[in-house]
PDB file of N, CA and C in Angstrom:
ATOM      1  N   MET A   1      -3.696 -34.534  53.721  1.00  0.00           N
ATOM      2  CA  MET A   1      -4.940 -34.643  54.465  1.00  0.00           C
ATOM      3  C   MET A   1      -5.233 -33.309  55.163  1.00  0.00           C
ATOM      4  N   MET A   2      -6.462 -32.889  55.080  1.00  0.00           N
ATOM      5  CA  MET A   2      -6.844 -31.617  55.693  1.00  0.00           C
ATOM      6  C   MET A   2      -7.129 -31.807  57.175  1.00  0.00           C
ATOM      7  N   ASP A   3      -6.674 -30.844  57.968  1.00  0.00           N
ATOM      8  CA  ASP A   3      -6.995 -30.865  59.391  1.00  0.00           C
ATOM      9  C   ASP A   3      -8.199 -29.951  59.628  1.00  0.00           C
ATOM     10  N   ALA A   4      -8.616 -29.835  60.886  1.00  0.00           N
ATOM     11  CA  ALA A   4      -9.790 -29.019  61.220  1.00  0.00           C
ATOM     12  C   ALA A   4      -9.579 -27.559  60.832  1.00  0.00           C
ATOM     13  N   PHE A   5      -8.368 -27.052  61.032  1.00  0.00           N
ATOM     14  CA  PHE A   5      -8.051 -25.670  60.668  1.00  0.00           C
ATOM     15  C   PHE A   5      -8.299 -25.452  59.174  1.00  0.00           C
ATOM     16  N   ASP A   6      -7.750 -26.337  58.345  1.00  0.00           N
ATOM     17  CA  ASP A   6      -7.935 -26.213  56.895  1.00  0.00           C
ATOM     18  C   ASP A   6      -9.404 -26.336  56.506  1.00  0.00           C
ATOM     19  N   ARG A   7     -10.103 -27.279  57.107  1.00  0.00           N
ATOM     20  CA  ARG A   7     -11.531 -27.467  56.783  1.00  0.00           C
ATOM     21  C   ARG A   7     -12.335 -26.216  57.121  1.00  0.00           C
ATOM     22  N   PHE A   8     -12.093 -25.654  58.319  1.00  0.00           N
ATOM     23  CA  PHE A   8     -12.844 -24.471  58.722  1.00  0.00           C
ATOM     24  C   PHE A   8     -12.574 -23.308  57.775  1.00  0.00           C
ATOM     25  N   TRP A   9     -11.292 -23.041  57.480  1.00  0.00           N
ATOM     26  CA  TRP A   9     -10.973 -21.872  56.660  1.00  0.00           C
ATOM     27  C   TRP A   9     -11.337 -22.069  55.191  1.00  0.00           C
ATOM     28  N   GLN A  10     -11.320 -23.297  54.709  1.00  0.00           N
ATOM     29  CA  GLN A  10     -11.811 -23.537  53.356  1.00  0.00           C
ATOM     30  C   GLN A  10     -13.298 -23.175  53.299  1.00  0.00           C
ATOM     31  N   TRP A  11     -14.040 -23.583  54.324  1.00  0.00           N
ATOM     32  CA  TRP A  11     -15.470 -23.262  54.394  1.00  0.00           C
ATOM     33  C   TRP A  11     -15.682 -21.754  54.570  1.00  0.00           C
ATOM     34  N   ALA A  12     -14.940 -21.141  55.487  1.00  0.00           N
ATOM     35  CA  ALA A  12     -15.142 -19.723  55.792  1.00  0.00           C
ATOM     36  C   ALA A  12     -14.808 -18.816  54.607  1.00  0.00           C
ATOM     37  N   ASP A  13     -13.831 -19.210  53.796  1.00  0.00           N
ATOM     38  CA  ASP A  13     -13.382 -18.373  52.677  1.00  0.00           C
ATOM     39  C   ASP A  13     -14.087 -18.682  51.360  1.00  0.00           C
ATOM     40  N   LYS A  14     -15.016 -19.623  51.361  1.00  0.00           N
ATOM     41  CA  LYS A  14     -15.689 -20.006  50.117  1.00  0.00           C
ATOM     42  C   LYS A  14     -16.667 -18.917  49.667  1.00  0.00           C
ATOM     43  N   PRO A  15     -16.966 -18.868  48.371  1.00  0.00           N
ATOM     44  CA  PRO A  15     -18.009 -17.949  47.903  1.00  0.00           C
ATOM     45  C   PRO A  15     -19.365 -18.339  48.500  1.00  0.00           C
ATOM     46  N   LEU A  16     -20.224 -17.379  48.673  1.00  0.00           N
ATOM     47  CA  LEU A  16     -21.535 -17.636  49.282  1.00  0.00           C
ATOM     48  C   LEU A  16     -22.352 -18.671  48.519  1.00  0.00           C
ATOM     49  N   GLU A  17     -22.202 -18.716  47.206  1.00  0.00           N
ATOM     50  CA  GLU A  17     -22.997 -19.661  46.423  1.00  0.00           C
ATOM     51  C   GLU A  17     -22.449 -21.090  46.465  1.00  0.00           C
ATOM     52  N   ASN A  18     -21.287 -21.282  47.047  1.00  0.00           N
ATOM     53  CA  ASN A  18     -20.695 -22.617  47.173  1.00  0.00           C
ATOM     54  C   ASN A  18     -21.430 -23.388  48.269  1.00  0.00           C
ATOM     55  N   PRO A  19     -21.899 -24.603  47.988  1.00  0.00           N
ATOM     56  CA  PRO A  19     -22.677 -25.362  48.970  1.00  0.00           C
ATOM     57  C   PRO A  19     -21.846 -26.124  50.013  1.00  0.00           C
ATOM     58  N   LEU A  20     -20.528 -25.937  50.023  1.00  0.00           N
ATOM     59  CA  LEU A  20     -19.667 -26.638  50.975  1.00  0.00           C
ATOM     60  C   LEU A  20     -20.147 -26.408  52.411  1.00  0.00           C
ATOM     61  N   THR A  21     -20.189 -27.471  53.202  1.00  0.00           N
ATOM     62  CA  THR A  21     -20.595 -27.372  54.607  1.00  0.00           C
ATOM     63  C   THR A  21     -19.523 -27.994  55.498  1.00  0.00           C
ATOM     64  N   ILE A  22     -19.614 -27.686  56.788  1.00  0.00           N
ATOM     65  CA  ILE A  22     -18.756 -28.302  57.798  1.00  0.00           C
ATOM     66  C   ILE A  22     -19.660 -28.771  58.932  1.00  0.00           C
ATOM     67  N   PRO A  23     -19.191 -29.711  59.740  1.00  0.00           N
ATOM     68  CA  PRO A  23     -20.003 -30.161  60.876  1.00  0.00           C
ATOM     69  C   PRO A  23     -20.280 -29.008  61.852  1.00  0.00           C
ATOM     70  N   ALA A  24     -21.469 -28.998  62.408  1.00  0.00           N
ATOM     71  CA  ALA A  24     -21.845 -27.957  63.369  1.00  0.00           C
ATOM     72  C   ALA A  24     -20.895 -27.928  64.557  1.00  0.00           C
ATOM     73  N   GLU A  25     -20.405 -29.094  64.973  1.00  0.00           N
ATOM     74  CA  GLU A  25     -19.494 -29.158  66.118  1.00  0.00           C
ATOM     75  C   GLU A  25     -18.189 -28.430  65.821  1.00  0.00           C
ATOM     76  N   LEU A  26     -17.701 -28.545  64.588  1.00  0.00           N
ATOM     77  CA  LEU A  26     -16.476 -27.827  64.203  1.00  0.00           C
ATOM     78  C   LEU A  26     -16.735 -26.329  64.200  1.00  0.00           C
ATOM     79  N   HIS A  27     -17.843 -25.916  63.615  1.00  0.00           N
ATOM     80  CA  HIS A  27     -18.182 -24.489  63.585  1.00  0.00           C
ATOM     81  C   HIS A  27     -18.283 -23.926  64.999  1.00  0.00           C
ATOM     82  N   ARG A  28     -18.996 -24.625  65.851  1.00  0.00           N
ATOM     83  CA  ARG A  28     -19.185 -24.171  67.231  1.00  0.00           C
ATOM     84  C   ARG A  28     -17.845 -24.063  67.956  1.00  0.00           C
ATOM     85  N   ALA A  29     -17.010 -25.085  67.816  1.00  0.00           N
ATOM     86  CA  ALA A  29     -15.715 -25.103  68.507  1.00  0.00           C
ATOM     87  C   ALA A  29     -14.843 -23.927  68.078  1.00  0.00           C
ATOM     88  N   VAL A  30     -14.799 -23.647  66.785  1.00  0.00           N
ATOM     89  CA  VAL A  30     -13.959 -22.550  66.296  1.00  0.00           C
ATOM     90  C   VAL A  30     -14.552 -21.203  66.688  1.00  0.00           C
ATOM     91  N   MET A  31     -15.859 -21.054  66.579  1.00  0.00           N
ATOM     92  CA  MET A  31     -16.481 -19.767  66.894  1.00  0.00           C
ATOM     93  C   MET A  31     -16.419 -19.435  68.381  1.00  0.00           C
ATOM     94  N   GLU A  32     -16.218 -20.437  69.234  1.00  0.00           N
ATOM     95  CA  GLU A  32     -16.057 -20.170  70.664  1.00  0.00           C
ATOM     96  C   GLU A  32     -14.671 -19.619  70.990  1.00  0.00           C
ATOM     97  N   LEU A  33     -13.729 -19.733  70.047  1.00  0.00           N
ATOM     98  CA  LEU A  33     -12.392 -19.171  70.247  1.00  0.00           C
ATOM     99  C   LEU A  33     -12.425 -17.660  70.035  1.00  0.00           C
ATOM    100  N   ALA A  34     -11.463 -16.971  70.632  1.00  0.00           N
ATOM    101  CA  ALA A  34     -11.306 -15.537  70.378  1.00  0.00           C
ATOM    102  C   ALA A  34     -10.959 -15.350  68.897  1.00  0.00           C
ATOM    103  N   PRO A  35     -11.365 -14.239  68.287  1.00  0.00           N
ATOM    104  CA  PRO A  35     -11.096 -14.039  66.859  1.00  0.00           C
ATOM    105  C   PRO A  35      -9.631 -14.255  66.461  1.00  0.00           C
ATOM    106  N   ASP A  36      -8.691 -13.767  67.237  1.00  0.00           N
ATOM    107  CA  ASP A  36      -7.271 -13.970  66.903  1.00  0.00           C
ATOM    108  C   ASP A  36      -6.883 -15.439  66.987  1.00  0.00           C
ATOM    109  N   ASP A  37      -7.486 -16.184  67.912  1.00  0.00           N
ATOM    110  CA  ASP A  37      -7.162 -17.603  68.079  1.00  0.00           C
ATOM    111  C   ASP A  37      -7.691 -18.452  66.928  1.00  0.00           C
ATOM    112  N   ARG A  38      -8.672 -17.952  66.208  1.00  0.00           N
ATOM    113  CA  ARG A  38      -9.226 -18.701  65.074  1.00  0.00           C
ATOM    114  C   ARG A  38      -8.217 -18.828  63.936  1.00  0.00           C
ATOM    115  N   ARG A  39      -7.179 -18.004  63.943  1.00  0.00           N
ATOM    116  CA  ARG A  39      -6.122 -18.058  62.918  1.00  0.00           C
ATOM    117  C   ARG A  39      -4.925 -18.879  63.386  1.00  0.00           C
ATOM    118  N   ASP A  40      -5.038 -19.481  64.560  1.00  0.00           N
ATOM    119  CA  ASP A  40      -3.958 -20.294  65.130  1.00  0.00           C
ATOM    120  C   ASP A  40      -4.282 -21.771  64.893  1.00  0.00           C
ATOM    121  N   ARG A  41      -3.505 -22.406  64.037  1.00  0.00           N
ATOM    122  CA  ARG A  41      -3.771 -23.801  63.656  1.00  0.00           C
ATOM    123  C   ARG A  41      -3.862 -24.721  64.865  1.00  0.00           C
ATOM    124  N   GLU A  42      -2.922 -24.589  65.794  1.00  0.00           N
ATOM    125  CA  GLU A  42      -2.904 -25.473  66.960  1.00  0.00           C
ATOM    126  C   GLU A  42      -4.149 -25.283  67.822  1.00  0.00           C
ATOM    127  N   LYS A  43      -4.552 -24.039  68.050  1.00  0.00           N
ATOM    128  CA  LYS A  43      -5.728 -23.778  68.886  1.00  0.00           C
ATOM    129  C   LYS A  43      -7.011 -24.277  68.221  1.00  0.00           C
ATOM    130  N   VAL A  44      -7.124 -24.086  66.923  1.00  0.00           N
ATOM    131  CA  VAL A  44      -8.312 -24.567  66.205  1.00  0.00           C
ATOM    132  C   VAL A  44      -8.374 -26.087  66.245  1.00  0.00           C
ATOM    133  N   ASN A  45      -7.255 -26.735  65.967  1.00  0.00           N
ATOM    134  CA  ASN A  45      -7.245 -28.203  65.977  1.00  0.00           C
ATOM    135  C   ASN A  45      -7.508 -28.759  67.372  1.00  0.00           C
ATOM    136  N   ASP A  46      -6.973 -28.110  68.408  1.00  0.00           N
ATOM    137  CA  ASP A  46      -7.246 -28.549  69.781  1.00  0.00           C
ATOM    138  C   ASP A  46      -8.731 -28.394  70.117  1.00  0.00           C
ATOM    139  N   ALA A  47      -9.309 -27.254  69.754  1.00  0.00           N
ATOM    140  CA  ALA A  47     -10.730 -27.023  70.029  1.00  0.00           C
ATOM    141  C   ALA A  47     -11.588 -28.046  69.291  1.00  0.00           C
ATOM    142  N   ALA A  48     -11.231 -28.339  68.049  1.00  0.00           N
ATOM    143  CA  ALA A  48     -11.988 -29.322  67.268  1.00  0.00           C
ATOM    144  C   ALA A  48     -11.861 -30.715  67.870  1.00  0.00           C
ATOM    145  N   ALA A  49     -10.677 -31.056  68.345  1.00  0.00           N
ATOM    146  CA  ALA A  49     -10.475 -32.376  68.959  1.00  0.00           C
ATOM    147  C   ALA A  49     -11.313 -32.518  70.223  1.00  0.00           C
ATOM    148  N   HIS A  50     -11.377 -31.461  71.024  1.00  0.00           N
ATOM    149  CA  HIS A  50     -12.198 -31.509  72.237  1.00  0.00           C
ATOM    150  C   HIS A  50     -13.681 -31.595  71.881  1.00  0.00           C
ATOM    151  N   ALA A  51     -14.095 -30.867  70.862  1.00  0.00           N
ATOM    152  CA  ALA A  51     -15.501 -30.910  70.444  1.00  0.00           C
ATOM    153  C   ALA A  51     -15.860 -32.297  69.937  1.00  0.00           C
ATOM    154  N   LYS A  52     -14.962 -32.913  69.195  1.00  0.00           N
ATOM    155  CA  LYS A  52     -15.225 -34.252  68.666  1.00  0.00           C
ATOM    156  C   LYS A  52     -15.341 -35.261  69.799  1.00  0.00           C
ATOM    157  N   LYS A  53     -14.529 -35.069  70.839  1.00  0.00           N
ATOM    158  CA  LYS A  53     -14.592 -35.961  71.999  1.00  0.00           C
ATOM    159  C   LYS A  53     -15.910 -35.765  72.752  1.00  0.00           C
ATOM    160  N   ASP A  54     -16.334 -34.505  72.885  1.00  0.00           N
ATOM    161  CA  ASP A  54     -17.567 -34.197  73.612  1.00  0.00           C
ATOM    162  C   ASP A  54     -18.824 -34.528  72.807  1.00  0.00           C
ATOM    163  N   PHE A  55     -18.745 -34.393  71.487  1.00  0.00           N
ATOM    164  CA  PHE A  55     -19.887 -34.630  70.603  1.00  0.00           C
ATOM    165  C   PHE A  55     -19.443 -35.514  69.447  1.00  0.00           C
ATOM    166  N   PRO A  56     -19.256 -36.817  69.681  1.00  0.00           N
ATOM    167  CA  PRO A  56     -18.783 -37.693  68.602  1.00  0.00           C
ATOM    168  C   PRO A  56     -19.742 -37.699  67.416  1.00  0.00           C
ATOM    169  N   VAL A  57     -19.161 -37.751  66.236  1.00  0.00           N
ATOM    170  CA  VAL A  57     -19.960 -37.801  65.012  1.00  0.00           C
ATOM    171  C   VAL A  57     -20.577 -39.186  64.902  1.00  0.00           C
ATOM    172  N   ARG A  58     -21.866 -39.216  64.644  1.00  0.00           N
ATOM    173  CA  ARG A  58     -22.584 -40.493  64.511  1.00  0.00           C
ATOM    174  C   ARG A  58     -22.695 -40.859  63.044  1.00  0.00           C
ATOM    175  N   PRO A  59     -22.586 -42.146  62.733  1.00  0.00           N
ATOM    176  CA  PRO A  59     -22.705 -42.576  61.319  1.00  0.00           C
ATOM    177  C   PRO A  59     -24.107 -42.389  60.782  1.00  0.00           C
TER     178      PRO A  59
END
């Protein structure tokens, strides 16, 4: 199962023509981290968990 870290980096490393998307809340949470922290799995997953709590995904 992919975690937030894997989802973000799969999206970030994809070719430009690939239509893969991620939730805006995940993007925002990761981009608010310092650039070095974006490569830290624990920090990315923590930021994503807080973002999900603050902005729950609606069905």
